[in-house]
PDB file of all heavy atoms in Angstrom:
ATOM      1  N   GLY A   1       0.809  -1.207   0.000  1.00  0.00           N
ATOM      2  CA  GLY A   1       0.000   0.000   0.000  1.00  0.00           C
ATOM      3  C   GLY A   1       0.844   1.260   0.000  1.00  0.00           C
ATOM      4  O   GLY A   1       0.541   2.234  -0.699  1.00  0.00           O
ATOM      5  N   GLY A   2       1.926   1.249   0.793  1.00  0.00           N
ATOM      6  CA  GLY A   2       2.837   2.394   0.810  1.00  0.00           C
ATOM      7  C   GLY A   2       3.504   2.609  -0.539  1.00  0.00           C
ATOM      8  O   GLY A   2       3.648   3.751  -1.000  1.00  0.00           O
ATOM      9  N   LEU A   3       3.898   1.528  -1.188  1.00  0.00           N
ATOM     10  CA  LEU A   3       4.480   1.642  -2.529  1.00  0.00           C
ATOM     11  C   LEU A   3       3.487   2.300  -3.482  1.00  0.00           C
ATOM     12  O   LEU A   3       3.851   3.158  -4.299  1.00  0.00           O
ATOM     13  CB  LEU A   3       4.870   0.263  -3.047  1.00  0.00           C
ATOM     14  CG  LEU A   3       6.111  -0.387  -2.421  1.00  0.00           C
ATOM     15  CD1 LEU A   3       6.213  -1.851  -2.844  1.00  0.00           C
ATOM     16  CD2 LEU A   3       7.371   0.358  -2.817  1.00  0.00           C
ATOM     17  N   GLY A   4       2.217   1.899  -3.375  1.00  0.00           N
ATOM     18  CA  GLY A   4       1.208   2.483  -4.241  1.00  0.00           C
ATOM     19  C   GLY A   4       1.065   3.973  -4.047  1.00  0.00           C
ATOM     20  O   GLY A   4       1.015   4.749  -5.009  1.00  0.00           O
ATOM     21  N   MET A   5       1.005   4.410  -2.792  1.00  0.00           N
ATOM     22  CA  MET A   5       0.869   5.839  -2.512  1.00  0.00           C
ATOM     23  C   MET A   5       2.110   6.610  -2.938  1.00  0.00           C
ATOM     24  O   MET A   5       2.025   7.760  -3.385  1.00  0.00           O
ATOM     25  CB  MET A   5       0.594   6.054  -1.031  1.00  0.00           C
ATOM     26  CG  MET A   5      -0.771   5.575  -0.599  1.00  0.00           C
ATOM     27  SD  MET A   5      -2.130   6.459  -1.400  1.00  0.00           S
ATOM     28  CE  MET A   5      -2.141   7.980  -0.441  1.00  0.00           C
ATOM     29  N   GLY A   6       3.281   5.988  -2.813  1.00  0.00           N
ATOM     30  CA  GLY A   6       4.506   6.633  -3.251  1.00  0.00           C
ATOM     31  C   GLY A   6       4.560   6.841  -4.747  1.00  0.00           C
ATOM     32  O   GLY A   6       5.256   7.739  -5.235  1.00  0.00           O
ATOM     33  N   LEU A   7       3.833   6.021  -5.498  1.00  0.00           N
ATOM     34  CA  LEU A   7       3.723   6.231  -6.944  1.00  0.00           C
ATOM     35  C   LEU A   7       2.660   7.266  -7.289  1.00  0.00           C
ATOM     36  O   LEU A   7       2.851   8.097  -8.180  1.00  0.00           O
ATOM     37  CB  LEU A   7       3.371   4.901  -7.634  1.00  0.00           C
ATOM     38  CG  LEU A   7       4.409   3.787  -7.584  1.00  0.00           C
ATOM     39  CD1 LEU A   7       3.851   2.521  -8.221  1.00  0.00           C
ATOM     40  CD2 LEU A   7       5.699   4.202  -8.278  1.00  0.00           C
ATOM     41  N   VAL A   8       1.544   7.227  -6.568  1.00  0.00           N
ATOM     42  CA  VAL A   8       0.392   8.066  -6.918  1.00  0.00           C
ATOM     43  C   VAL A   8       0.609   9.532  -6.556  1.00  0.00           C
ATOM     44  O   VAL A   8       0.413  10.432  -7.398  1.00  0.00           O
ATOM     45  CB  VAL A   8      -0.882   7.537  -6.238  1.00  0.00           C
ATOM     46  CG1 VAL A   8      -2.036   8.530  -6.406  1.00  0.00           C
ATOM     47  CG2 VAL A   8      -1.261   6.179  -6.811  1.00  0.00           C
ATOM     48  N   MET A   9       0.977   9.806  -5.314  1.00  0.00           N
ATOM     49  CA  MET A   9       0.954  11.183  -4.828  1.00  0.00           C
ATOM     50  C   MET A   9       1.926  12.104  -5.565  1.00  0.00           C
ATOM     51  O   MET A   9       1.532  13.191  -6.016  1.00  0.00           O
ATOM     52  CB  MET A   9       1.203  11.204  -3.321  1.00  0.00           C
ATOM     53  CG  MET A   9       0.186  10.405  -2.513  1.00  0.00           C
ATOM     54  SD  MET A   9      -1.497  11.011  -2.721  1.00  0.00           S
ATOM     55  CE  MET A   9      -1.678  11.943  -1.210  1.00  0.00           C
ATOM     56  N   PRO A  10       3.204  11.752  -5.737  1.00  0.00           N
ATOM     57  CA  PRO A  10       4.089  12.640  -6.511  1.00  0.00           C
ATOM     58  C   PRO A  10       3.654  12.775  -7.967  1.00  0.00           C
ATOM     59  O   PRO A  10       3.790  13.858  -8.564  1.00  0.00           O
ATOM     60  CB  PRO A  10       5.462  11.965  -6.403  1.00  0.00           C
ATOM     61  CG  PRO A  10       5.372  11.073  -5.212  1.00  0.00           C
ATOM     62  CD  PRO A  10       3.955  10.610  -5.176  1.00  0.00           C
ATOM     63  N   SER A  11       3.116  11.702  -8.551  1.00  0.00           N
ATOM     64  CA  SER A  11       2.700  11.759  -9.955  1.00  0.00           C
ATOM     65  C   SER A  11       1.557  12.744 -10.145  1.00  0.00           C
ATOM     66  O   SER A  11       1.525  13.501 -11.128  1.00  0.00           O
ATOM     67  CB  SER A  11       2.276  10.371 -10.435  1.00  0.00           C
ATOM     68  OG  SER A  11       3.377   9.473 -10.434  1.00  0.00           O
ATOM     69  N   LEU A  12       0.601  12.751  -9.215  1.00  0.00           N
ATOM     70  CA  LEU A  12      -0.506  13.696  -9.323  1.00  0.00           C
ATOM     71  C   LEU A  12      -0.016  15.137  -9.152  1.00  0.00           C
ATOM     72  O   LEU A  12      -0.533  16.053  -9.794  1.00  0.00           O
ATOM     73  CB  LEU A  12      -1.576  13.372  -8.278  1.00  0.00           C
ATOM     74  CG  LEU A  12      -2.332  12.061  -8.501  1.00  0.00           C
ATOM     75  CD1 LEU A  12      -3.283  11.791  -7.344  1.00  0.00           C
ATOM     76  CD2 LEU A  12      -3.092  12.079  -9.821  1.00  0.00           C
ATOM     77  N   ALA A  13       0.974  15.334  -8.288  1.00  0.00           N
ATOM     78  CA  ALA A  13       1.535  16.677  -8.122  1.00  0.00           C
ATOM     79  C   ALA A  13       2.209  17.152  -9.398  1.00  0.00           C
ATOM     80  O   ALA A  13       2.080  18.320  -9.796  1.00  0.00           O
ATOM     81  CB  ALA A  13       2.533  16.679  -6.962  1.00  0.00           C
ATOM     82  N   VAL A  14       2.931  16.254 -10.063  1.00  0.00           N
ATOM     83  CA  VAL A  14       3.577  16.606 -11.342  1.00  0.00           C
ATOM     84  C   VAL A  14       2.522  16.972 -12.375  1.00  0.00           C
ATOM     85  O   VAL A  14       2.645  17.970 -13.104  1.00  0.00           O
ATOM     86  CB  VAL A  14       4.444  15.431 -11.838  1.00  0.00           C
ATOM     87  CG1 VAL A  14       4.921  15.681 -13.263  1.00  0.00           C
ATOM     88  CG2 VAL A  14       5.636  15.219 -10.911  1.00  0.00           C
ATOM     89  N   LEU A  15       1.462  16.163 -12.459  1.00  0.00           N
ATOM     90  CA  LEU A  15       0.407  16.441 -13.422  1.00  0.00           C
ATOM     91  C   LEU A  15      -0.290  17.760 -13.126  1.00  0.00           C
ATOM     92  O   LEU A  15      -0.667  18.502 -14.045  1.00  0.00           O
ATOM     93  CB  LEU A  15      -0.618  15.301 -13.416  1.00  0.00           C
ATOM     94  CG  LEU A  15      -0.147  13.990 -14.064  1.00  0.00           C
ATOM     95  CD1 LEU A  15      -1.148  12.883 -13.798  1.00  0.00           C
ATOM     96  CD2 LEU A  15       0.055  14.169 -15.564  1.00  0.00           C
ATOM     97  N   LEU A  16      -0.476  18.073 -11.866  1.00  0.00           N
ATOM     98  CA  LEU A  16      -1.109  19.338 -11.506  1.00  0.00           C
ATOM     99  C   LEU A  16      -0.346  20.517 -12.109  1.00  0.00           C
ATOM    100  O   LEU A  16      -0.940  21.437 -12.677  1.00  0.00           O
ATOM    101  CB  LEU A  16      -1.186  19.490  -9.992  1.00  0.00           C
ATOM    102  CG  LEU A  16      -1.773  20.830  -9.556  1.00  0.00           C
ATOM    103  CD1 LEU A  16      -3.276  20.731  -9.414  1.00  0.00           C
ATOM    104  CD2 LEU A  16      -1.144  21.337  -8.283  1.00  0.00           C
ATOM    105  N   LEU A  17       0.972  20.498 -11.981  1.00  0.00           N
ATOM    106  CA  LEU A  17       1.769  21.594 -12.528  1.00  0.00           C
ATOM    107  C   LEU A  17       1.736  21.602 -14.050  1.00  0.00           C
ATOM    108  O   LEU A  17       1.766  22.661 -14.672  1.00  0.00           O
ATOM    109  CB  LEU A  17       3.212  21.490 -12.027  1.00  0.00           C
ATOM    110  CG  LEU A  17       3.406  21.665 -10.513  1.00  0.00           C
ATOM    111  CD1 LEU A  17       4.891  21.670 -10.164  1.00  0.00           C
ATOM    112  CD2 LEU A  17       2.747  22.941 -10.020  1.00  0.00           C
ATOM    113  N   GLU A  18       1.675  20.432 -14.668  1.00  0.00           N
ATOM    114  CA  GLU A  18       1.585  20.387 -16.131  1.00  0.00           C
ATOM    115  C   GLU A  18       0.278  21.000 -16.623  1.00  0.00           C
ATOM    116  O   GLU A  18       0.233  21.611 -17.694  1.00  0.00           O
ATOM    117  CB  GLU A  18       1.681  18.937 -16.619  1.00  0.00           C
ATOM    118  CG  GLU A  18       3.074  18.330 -16.490  1.00  0.00           C
ATOM    119  CD  GLU A  18       3.139  16.945 -17.090  1.00  0.00           C
ATOM    120  OE1 GLU A  18       2.120  16.486 -17.667  1.00  0.00           O
ATOM    121  OE2 GLU A  18       4.192  16.306 -16.983  1.00  0.00           O
ATOM    122  N   PHE A  19      -0.782  20.830 -15.843  1.00  0.00           N
ATOM    123  CA  PHE A  19      -2.094  21.312 -16.252  1.00  0.00           C
ATOM    124  C   PHE A  19      -2.409  22.701 -15.710  1.00  0.00           C
ATOM    125  O   PHE A  19      -3.558  23.134 -15.742  1.00  0.00           O
ATOM    126  CB  PHE A  19      -3.180  20.340 -15.783  1.00  0.00           C
ATOM    127  CG  PHE A  19      -3.066  18.962 -16.374  1.00  0.00           C
ATOM    128  CD1 PHE A  19      -3.563  17.870 -15.690  1.00  0.00           C
ATOM    129  CD2 PHE A  19      -2.470  18.758 -17.599  1.00  0.00           C
ATOM    130  CE1 PHE A  19      -3.461  16.598 -16.223  1.00  0.00           C
ATOM    131  CE2 PHE A  19      -2.365  17.498 -18.138  1.00  0.00           C
ATOM    132  CZ  PHE A  19      -2.860  16.404 -17.453  1.00  0.00           C
ATOM    133  N   SER A  20      -1.402  23.405 -15.196  1.00  0.00           N
ATOM    134  CA  SER A  20      -1.619  24.731 -14.613  1.00  0.00           C
ATOM    135  C   SER A  20      -0.769  25.767 -15.326  1.00  0.00           C
ATOM    136  O   SER A  20       0.245  25.442 -15.965  1.00  0.00           O
ATOM    137  CB  SER A  20      -1.259  24.726 -13.122  1.00  0.00           C
ATOM    138  OG  SER A  20      -2.041  23.817 -12.397  1.00  0.00           O
ATOM    139  N   THR A  21      -1.173  27.009 -15.211  1.00  0.00           N
ATOM    140  CA  THR A  21      -0.399  28.135 -15.727  1.00  0.00           C
ATOM    141  C   THR A  21       0.103  28.954 -14.551  1.00  0.00           C
ATOM    142  O   THR A  21      -0.279  28.727 -13.395  1.00  0.00           O
ATOM    143  CB  THR A  21      -1.278  29.021 -16.619  1.00  0.00           C
ATOM    144  OG1 THR A  21      -2.254  29.680 -15.800  1.00  0.00           O
ATOM    145  CG2 THR A  21      -1.994  28.209 -17.684  1.00  0.00           C
ATOM    146  N   ASP A  22       0.946  29.936 -14.820  1.00  0.00           N
ATOM    147  CA  ASP A  22       1.400  30.829 -13.753  1.00  0.00           C
ATOM    148  C   ASP A  22       0.218  31.520 -13.077  1.00  0.00           C
ATOM    149  O   ASP A  22       0.265  31.847 -11.903  1.00  0.00           O
ATOM    150  CB  ASP A  22       2.339  31.901 -14.325  1.00  0.00           C
ATOM    151  CG  ASP A  22       3.748  31.375 -14.550  1.00  0.00           C
ATOM    152  OD1 ASP A  22       4.051  30.283 -14.034  1.00  0.00           O
ATOM    153  OD2 ASP A  22       4.523  32.043 -15.252  1.00  0.00           O
ATOM    154  N   ALA A  23      -0.842  31.753 -13.854  1.00  0.00           N
ATOM    155  CA  ALA A  23      -1.961  32.535 -13.342  1.00  0.00           C
ATOM    156  C   ALA A  23      -2.888  31.752 -12.433  1.00  0.00           C
ATOM    157  O   ALA A  23      -3.665  32.349 -11.685  1.00  0.00           O
ATOM    158  CB  ALA A  23      -2.763  33.109 -14.509  1.00  0.00           C
ATOM    159  N   ASP A  24      -2.858  30.414 -12.481  1.00  0.00           N
ATOM    160  CA  ASP A  24      -3.809  29.651 -11.667  1.00  0.00           C
ATOM    161  C   ASP A  24      -3.159  28.511 -10.897  1.00  0.00           C
ATOM    162  O   ASP A  24      -3.839  27.643 -10.362  1.00  0.00           O
ATOM    163  CB  ASP A  24      -4.945  29.100 -12.535  1.00  0.00           C
ATOM    164  CG  ASP A  24      -4.451  28.114 -13.591  1.00  0.00           C
ATOM    165  OD1 ASP A  24      -3.249  27.834 -13.652  1.00  0.00           O
ATOM    166  OD2 ASP A  24      -5.292  27.632 -14.371  1.00  0.00           O
ATOM    167  N   ARG A  25      -1.841  28.505 -10.830  1.00  0.00           N
ATOM    168  CA  ARG A  25      -1.134  27.422 -10.146  1.00  0.00           C
ATOM    169  C   ARG A  25      -1.516  27.347  -8.667  1.00  0.00           C
ATOM    170  O   ARG A  25      -1.670  26.265  -8.101  1.00  0.00           O
ATOM    171  CB  ARG A  25       0.379  27.623 -10.302  1.00  0.00           C
ATOM    172  CG  ARG A  25       1.210  26.423  -9.883  1.00  0.00           C
ATOM    173  CD  ARG A  25       2.682  26.720 -10.099  1.00  0.00           C
ATOM    174  NE  ARG A  25       3.037  26.715 -11.509  1.00  0.00           N
ATOM    175  CZ  ARG A  25       3.719  27.669 -12.117  1.00  0.00           C
ATOM    176  NH1 ARG A  25       4.097  28.744 -11.441  1.00  0.00           N
ATOM    177  NH2 ARG A  25       4.022  27.585 -13.394  1.00  0.00           N
ATOM    178  N   GLY A  26      -1.671  28.509  -8.035  1.00  0.00           N
ATOM    179  CA  GLY A  26      -2.019  28.521  -6.623  1.00  0.00           C
ATOM    180  C   GLY A  26      -3.413  27.992  -6.367  1.00  0.00           C
ATOM    181  O   GLY A  26      -3.629  27.174  -5.466  1.00  0.00           O
ATOM    182  N   ARG A  27      -4.378  28.456  -7.147  1.00  0.00           N
ATOM    183  CA  ARG A  27      -5.763  27.995  -6.969  1.00  0.00           C
ATOM    184  C   ARG A  27      -5.867  26.498  -7.213  1.00  0.00           C
ATOM    185  O   ARG A  27      -6.537  25.771  -6.462  1.00  0.00           O
ATOM    186  CB  ARG A  27      -6.678  28.748  -7.938  1.00  0.00           C
ATOM    187  CG  ARG A  27      -8.096  28.217  -7.963  1.00  0.00           C
ATOM    188  CD  ARG A  27      -9.009  29.037  -8.865  1.00  0.00           C
ATOM    189  NE  ARG A  27      -9.405  30.262  -8.193  1.00  0.00           N
ATOM    190  CZ  ARG A  27     -10.555  30.907  -8.467  1.00  0.00           C
ATOM    191  NH1 ARG A  27     -11.378  30.427  -9.368  1.00  0.00           N
ATOM    192  NH2 ARG A  27     -10.857  32.020  -7.837  1.00  0.00           N
ATOM    193  N   ASN A  28      -5.197  26.004  -8.255  1.00  0.00           N
ATOM    194  CA  ASN A  28      -5.256  24.579  -8.553  1.00  0.00           C
ATOM    195  C   ASN A  28      -4.586  23.750  -7.463  1.00  0.00           C
ATOM    196  O   ASN A  28      -5.063  22.672  -7.101  1.00  0.00           O
ATOM    197  CB  ASN A  28      -4.592  24.303  -9.904  1.00  0.00           C
ATOM    198  CG  ASN A  28      -5.358  24.931 -11.057  1.00  0.00           C
ATOM    199  OD1 ASN A  28      -6.513  25.325 -10.915  1.00  0.00           O
ATOM    200  ND2 ASN A  28      -4.696  25.047 -12.198  1.00  0.00           N
ATOM    201  N   SER A  29      -3.471  24.254  -6.938  1.00  0.00           N
ATOM    202  CA  SER A  29      -2.789  23.542  -5.849  1.00  0.00           C
ATOM    203  C   SER A  29      -3.674  23.469  -4.612  1.00  0.00           C
ATOM    204  O   SER A  29      -3.716  22.449  -3.919  1.00  0.00           O
ATOM    205  CB  SER A  29      -1.471  24.245  -5.510  1.00  0.00           C
ATOM    206  OG  SER A  29      -0.594  24.267  -6.615  1.00  0.00           O
TER     207      SER A  29
END
């Protein structure tokens, strides 16, 4: 289970930044 979360959580954070702009990075985070 820990291995799974270690794969999921950083990956979603990376995707969040890919799908954000300078103008909305804070709101999306």
